[in-house]
C-alpha cells in the first residue's frame, strides 16, 4: 500500500472529485490506497449521524462498496495494532 487516504480526501473523492488537486487525483489513480476503517469510516458515520455531513448522501454500506469498487483497501483495526501503539 502506498498511501492511507485522509477522511476529507475520501469524502471529496466520492462527492466532489473536482475539488481534488491534480496531484491528489494522480495519487488516487496511480497508487495502491487504503482507507482506515476506524479513523475515516467511523468518523464519517459519526458525522452523518449528528447531521454534519448531509452532502454525503450514501449509507455506510454504499460508501464502503463504492470505495471497494474504486480500488481502495479498507484497513481494519486489529488487536495487534492497539498493542503496537503501546510501543510508540
N, C-alpha and C. Protein backbone atom coordinates (compact mmCIF):
# COMPACT_ATOMS: atom_id res chain seq x y z
N UNK A 1 0.83 -1.17 0.00
CA UNK A 1 0.00 0.00 0.00
C UNK A 1 0.89 1.24 0.00
N UNK A 2 0.53 2.18 -0.84
CA UNK A 2 1.34 3.39 -0.98
C UNK A 2 0.87 4.53 -0.07
N UNK A 3 -0.44 4.71 0.04
CA UNK A 3 -0.97 5.83 0.81
C UNK A 3 -2.19 5.41 1.62
N UNK A 4 -2.35 6.03 2.78
CA UNK A 4 -3.59 5.93 3.55
C UNK A 4 -4.28 7.27 3.38
N UNK A 5 -5.49 7.24 2.88
CA UNK A 5 -6.21 8.44 2.49
C UNK A 5 -6.87 9.10 3.70
N UNK A 6 -6.70 10.40 3.79
CA UNK A 6 -7.33 11.22 4.82
C UNK A 6 -8.85 11.25 4.60
N UNK A 7 -9.59 11.45 5.69
CA UNK A 7 -11.06 11.44 5.62
C UNK A 7 -11.58 12.49 4.64
N UNK A 8 -11.04 13.69 4.66
CA UNK A 8 -11.52 14.74 3.76
C UNK A 8 -11.28 14.37 2.30
N UNK A 9 -10.13 13.78 2.02
CA UNK A 9 -9.84 13.32 0.65
C UNK A 9 -10.82 12.23 0.26
N UNK A 10 -11.11 11.35 1.17
CA UNK A 10 -12.08 10.28 0.92
C UNK A 10 -13.44 10.88 0.55
N UNK A 11 -13.92 11.83 1.33
CA UNK A 11 -15.22 12.45 1.09
C UNK A 11 -15.23 13.16 -0.26
N UNK A 12 -14.21 13.96 -0.52
CA UNK A 12 -14.16 14.69 -1.79
C UNK A 12 -14.05 13.74 -2.97
N UNK A 13 -13.31 12.64 -2.81
CA UNK A 13 -13.17 11.71 -3.93
C UNK A 13 -14.51 11.10 -4.32
N UNK A 14 -15.42 11.02 -3.37
CA UNK A 14 -16.73 10.43 -3.63
C UNK A 14 -17.72 11.47 -4.14
N UNK A 15 -17.77 12.66 -3.50
CA UNK A 15 -18.82 13.61 -3.86
C UNK A 15 -18.35 14.87 -4.57
N UNK A 16 -17.10 15.26 -4.41
CA UNK A 16 -16.56 16.47 -5.04
C UNK A 16 -15.20 16.21 -5.66
N UNK A 17 -15.08 15.25 -6.58
CA UNK A 17 -13.74 14.94 -7.11
C UNK A 17 -13.06 16.13 -7.78
N UNK A 18 -13.84 17.09 -8.27
CA UNK A 18 -13.24 18.27 -8.91
C UNK A 18 -12.53 19.18 -7.91
N UNK A 19 -12.78 19.01 -6.61
CA UNK A 19 -12.09 19.80 -5.59
C UNK A 19 -10.68 19.28 -5.31
N UNK A 20 -10.40 18.08 -5.76
CA UNK A 20 -9.08 17.48 -5.53
C UNK A 20 -8.07 18.10 -6.49
N UNK A 21 -6.89 18.36 -5.97
CA UNK A 21 -5.82 18.88 -6.84
C UNK A 21 -5.42 17.80 -7.84
N UNK A 22 -4.78 18.21 -8.89
CA UNK A 22 -4.34 17.25 -9.90
C UNK A 22 -3.35 16.25 -9.29
N UNK A 23 -2.52 16.70 -8.36
CA UNK A 23 -1.56 15.81 -7.70
C UNK A 23 -2.29 14.72 -6.90
N UNK A 24 -3.32 15.12 -6.15
CA UNK A 24 -4.08 14.15 -5.36
C UNK A 24 -4.81 13.18 -6.28
N UNK A 25 -5.42 13.68 -7.34
CA UNK A 25 -6.10 12.79 -8.30
C UNK A 25 -5.11 11.79 -8.89
N UNK A 26 -3.90 12.25 -9.19
CA UNK A 26 -2.87 11.37 -9.73
C UNK A 26 -2.51 10.27 -8.71
N UNK A 27 -2.37 10.66 -7.45
CA UNK A 27 -2.07 9.68 -6.39
C UNK A 27 -3.18 8.65 -6.29
N UNK A 28 -4.43 9.12 -6.30
CA UNK A 28 -5.57 8.21 -6.17
C UNK A 28 -5.66 7.25 -7.36
N UNK A 29 -5.33 7.73 -8.53
CA UNK A 29 -5.47 6.92 -9.74
C UNK A 29 -4.31 5.97 -9.97
N UNK A 30 -3.12 6.30 -9.47
CA UNK A 30 -1.92 5.56 -9.86
C UNK A 30 -1.23 4.83 -8.72
N UNK A 31 -1.88 4.71 -7.58
CA UNK A 31 -1.24 4.06 -6.44
C UNK A 31 -2.22 3.12 -5.75
N UNK A 32 -1.67 2.30 -4.88
CA UNK A 32 -2.47 1.45 -4.03
C UNK A 32 -2.80 2.26 -2.77
N UNK A 33 -4.09 2.49 -2.54
CA UNK A 33 -4.51 3.38 -1.46
C UNK A 33 -5.41 2.67 -0.46
N UNK A 34 -5.26 3.04 0.80
CA UNK A 34 -6.06 2.46 1.85
C UNK A 34 -6.89 3.52 2.55
N UNK A 35 -7.97 3.06 3.17
CA UNK A 35 -8.85 3.90 3.98
C UNK A 35 -8.94 3.24 5.35
N UNK A 36 -8.67 4.02 6.39
CA UNK A 36 -8.74 3.49 7.74
C UNK A 36 -10.19 3.30 8.16
N UNK A 37 -10.52 2.08 8.51
CA UNK A 37 -11.87 1.77 8.96
C UNK A 37 -12.23 2.56 10.21
N UNK A 38 -11.35 2.58 11.17
CA UNK A 38 -11.65 3.23 12.45
C UNK A 38 -11.51 4.75 12.35
N UNK A 39 -10.53 5.23 11.63
CA UNK A 39 -10.29 6.68 11.57
C UNK A 39 -11.25 7.37 10.61
N UNK A 40 -11.36 6.89 9.40
CA UNK A 40 -12.16 7.58 8.39
C UNK A 40 -13.60 7.12 8.34
N UNK A 41 -13.83 5.82 8.23
CA UNK A 41 -15.21 5.35 8.08
C UNK A 41 -16.03 5.60 9.34
N UNK A 42 -15.43 5.40 10.49
CA UNK A 42 -16.13 5.67 11.74
C UNK A 42 -16.40 7.17 11.88
N UNK A 43 -15.44 7.99 11.48
CA UNK A 43 -15.62 9.44 11.52
C UNK A 43 -16.77 9.87 10.62
N UNK A 44 -16.85 9.33 9.42
CA UNK A 44 -17.94 9.64 8.51
C UNK A 44 -19.27 9.21 9.12
N UNK A 45 -19.32 8.01 9.70
CA UNK A 45 -20.56 7.51 10.31
C UNK A 45 -21.03 8.43 11.43
N UNK A 46 -20.11 8.89 12.26
CA UNK A 46 -20.47 9.79 13.36
C UNK A 46 -20.99 11.11 12.80
N UNK A 47 -20.27 11.68 11.83
CA UNK A 47 -20.70 12.96 11.26
C UNK A 47 -22.06 12.85 10.58
N UNK A 48 -22.31 11.75 9.90
CA UNK A 48 -23.63 11.55 9.29
C UNK A 48 -24.71 11.46 10.37
N UNK A 49 -24.42 10.75 11.41
CA UNK A 49 -25.40 10.53 12.49
C UNK A 49 -25.80 11.85 13.17
N UNK A 50 -24.85 12.77 13.33
CA UNK A 50 -25.15 14.03 14.02
C UNK A 50 -25.51 15.15 13.04
N UNK A 51 -25.65 14.80 11.75
CA UNK A 51 -26.10 15.77 10.77
C UNK A 51 -25.06 16.74 10.25
N UNK A 52 -23.78 16.40 10.39
CA UNK A 52 -22.71 17.30 9.95
C UNK A 52 -22.10 16.90 8.62
N UNK A 53 -22.75 15.98 7.92
CA UNK A 53 -22.22 15.54 6.64
C UNK A 53 -23.38 15.22 5.68
N UNK A 54 -24.33 16.15 5.61
CA UNK A 54 -25.53 15.91 4.81
C UNK A 54 -25.23 15.80 3.32
N UNK A 55 -24.12 16.40 2.87
CA UNK A 55 -23.79 16.33 1.45
C UNK A 55 -23.35 14.94 1.00
N UNK A 56 -22.98 14.07 1.92
CA UNK A 56 -22.63 12.69 1.59
C UNK A 56 -23.86 11.83 1.83
N UNK A 57 -24.65 11.71 0.79
CA UNK A 57 -25.94 11.03 0.89
C UNK A 57 -25.82 9.56 0.49
N UNK A 58 -24.93 8.85 1.17
CA UNK A 58 -24.75 7.42 0.96
C UNK A 58 -24.82 6.71 2.31
N UNK A 59 -25.43 5.54 2.32
CA UNK A 59 -25.36 4.74 3.54
C UNK A 59 -23.92 4.27 3.71
N UNK A 60 -23.58 3.86 4.90
CA UNK A 60 -22.22 3.37 5.14
C UNK A 60 -21.94 2.16 4.26
N UNK A 61 -22.91 1.30 4.10
CA UNK A 61 -22.75 0.13 3.24
C UNK A 61 -22.46 0.55 1.79
N UNK A 62 -23.21 1.53 1.29
CA UNK A 62 -22.99 2.01 -0.07
C UNK A 62 -21.62 2.68 -0.21
N UNK A 63 -21.22 3.44 0.80
CA UNK A 63 -19.92 4.10 0.77
C UNK A 63 -18.80 3.06 0.72
N UNK A 64 -18.88 2.06 1.55
CA UNK A 64 -17.86 1.00 1.58
C UNK A 64 -17.81 0.30 0.22
N UNK A 65 -18.96 -0.03 -0.34
CA UNK A 65 -18.99 -0.68 -1.65
C UNK A 65 -18.39 0.22 -2.72
N UNK A 66 -18.67 1.51 -2.67
CA UNK A 66 -18.12 2.48 -3.61
C UNK A 66 -16.59 2.52 -3.50
N UNK A 67 -16.09 2.56 -2.27
CA UNK A 67 -14.65 2.60 -2.05
C UNK A 67 -13.97 1.33 -2.57
N UNK A 68 -14.56 0.18 -2.28
CA UNK A 68 -14.00 -1.08 -2.76
C UNK A 68 -14.02 -1.14 -4.28
N UNK A 69 -15.11 -0.69 -4.89
CA UNK A 69 -15.22 -0.66 -6.35
C UNK A 69 -14.16 0.24 -6.96
N UNK A 70 -13.84 1.34 -6.27
CA UNK A 70 -12.83 2.28 -6.76
C UNK A 70 -11.40 1.85 -6.43
N UNK A 71 -11.24 0.67 -5.83
CA UNK A 71 -9.91 0.12 -5.62
C UNK A 71 -9.25 0.44 -4.29
N UNK A 72 -9.99 1.07 -3.36
CA UNK A 72 -9.42 1.34 -2.05
C UNK A 72 -9.39 0.07 -1.22
N UNK A 73 -8.38 -0.07 -0.41
CA UNK A 73 -8.32 -1.16 0.56
C UNK A 73 -8.82 -0.62 1.90
N UNK A 74 -9.76 -1.32 2.52
CA UNK A 74 -10.28 -0.92 3.83
C UNK A 74 -9.37 -1.53 4.89
N UNK A 75 -8.75 -0.67 5.70
CA UNK A 75 -7.82 -1.12 6.72
C UNK A 75 -8.54 -1.23 8.06
N UNK A 76 -8.69 -2.44 8.52
CA UNK A 76 -9.38 -2.65 9.78
C UNK A 76 -8.43 -2.53 10.96
N UNK A 77 -8.98 -2.18 12.09
CA UNK A 77 -8.20 -2.10 13.32
C UNK A 77 -8.16 -3.48 13.96
N UNK A 78 -6.96 -3.94 14.22
CA UNK A 78 -6.79 -5.26 14.83
C UNK A 78 -6.14 -5.10 16.20
N UNK A 79 -6.27 -6.09 17.01
CA UNK A 79 -5.70 -6.03 18.36
C UNK A 79 -4.19 -5.79 18.32
N UNK A 80 -3.49 -6.35 17.33
CA UNK A 80 -2.04 -6.15 17.27
C UNK A 80 -1.71 -4.68 17.03
N UNK A 81 -2.59 -3.95 16.34
CA UNK A 81 -2.37 -2.52 16.12
C UNK A 81 -2.48 -1.75 17.44
N UNK A 82 -3.47 -2.12 18.22
CA UNK A 82 -3.64 -1.46 19.54
C UNK A 82 -2.46 -1.80 20.44
N UNK A 83 -2.04 -3.04 20.43
CA UNK A 83 -0.90 -3.45 21.25
C UNK A 83 0.38 -2.74 20.80
N UNK A 84 0.56 -2.57 19.51
CA UNK A 84 1.75 -1.90 18.99
C UNK A 84 1.79 -0.45 19.39
N UNK A 85 0.63 0.14 19.58
CA UNK A 85 0.56 1.56 19.96
C UNK A 85 1.28 1.80 21.30
N UNK A 86 1.26 0.80 22.18
CA UNK A 86 1.95 0.93 23.47
C UNK A 86 3.44 1.16 23.27
N UNK A 87 4.00 0.66 22.19
CA UNK A 87 5.44 0.74 21.96
C UNK A 87 5.86 2.03 21.24
N UNK A 88 4.91 2.83 20.83
CA UNK A 88 5.24 4.07 20.11
C UNK A 88 5.63 5.16 21.10
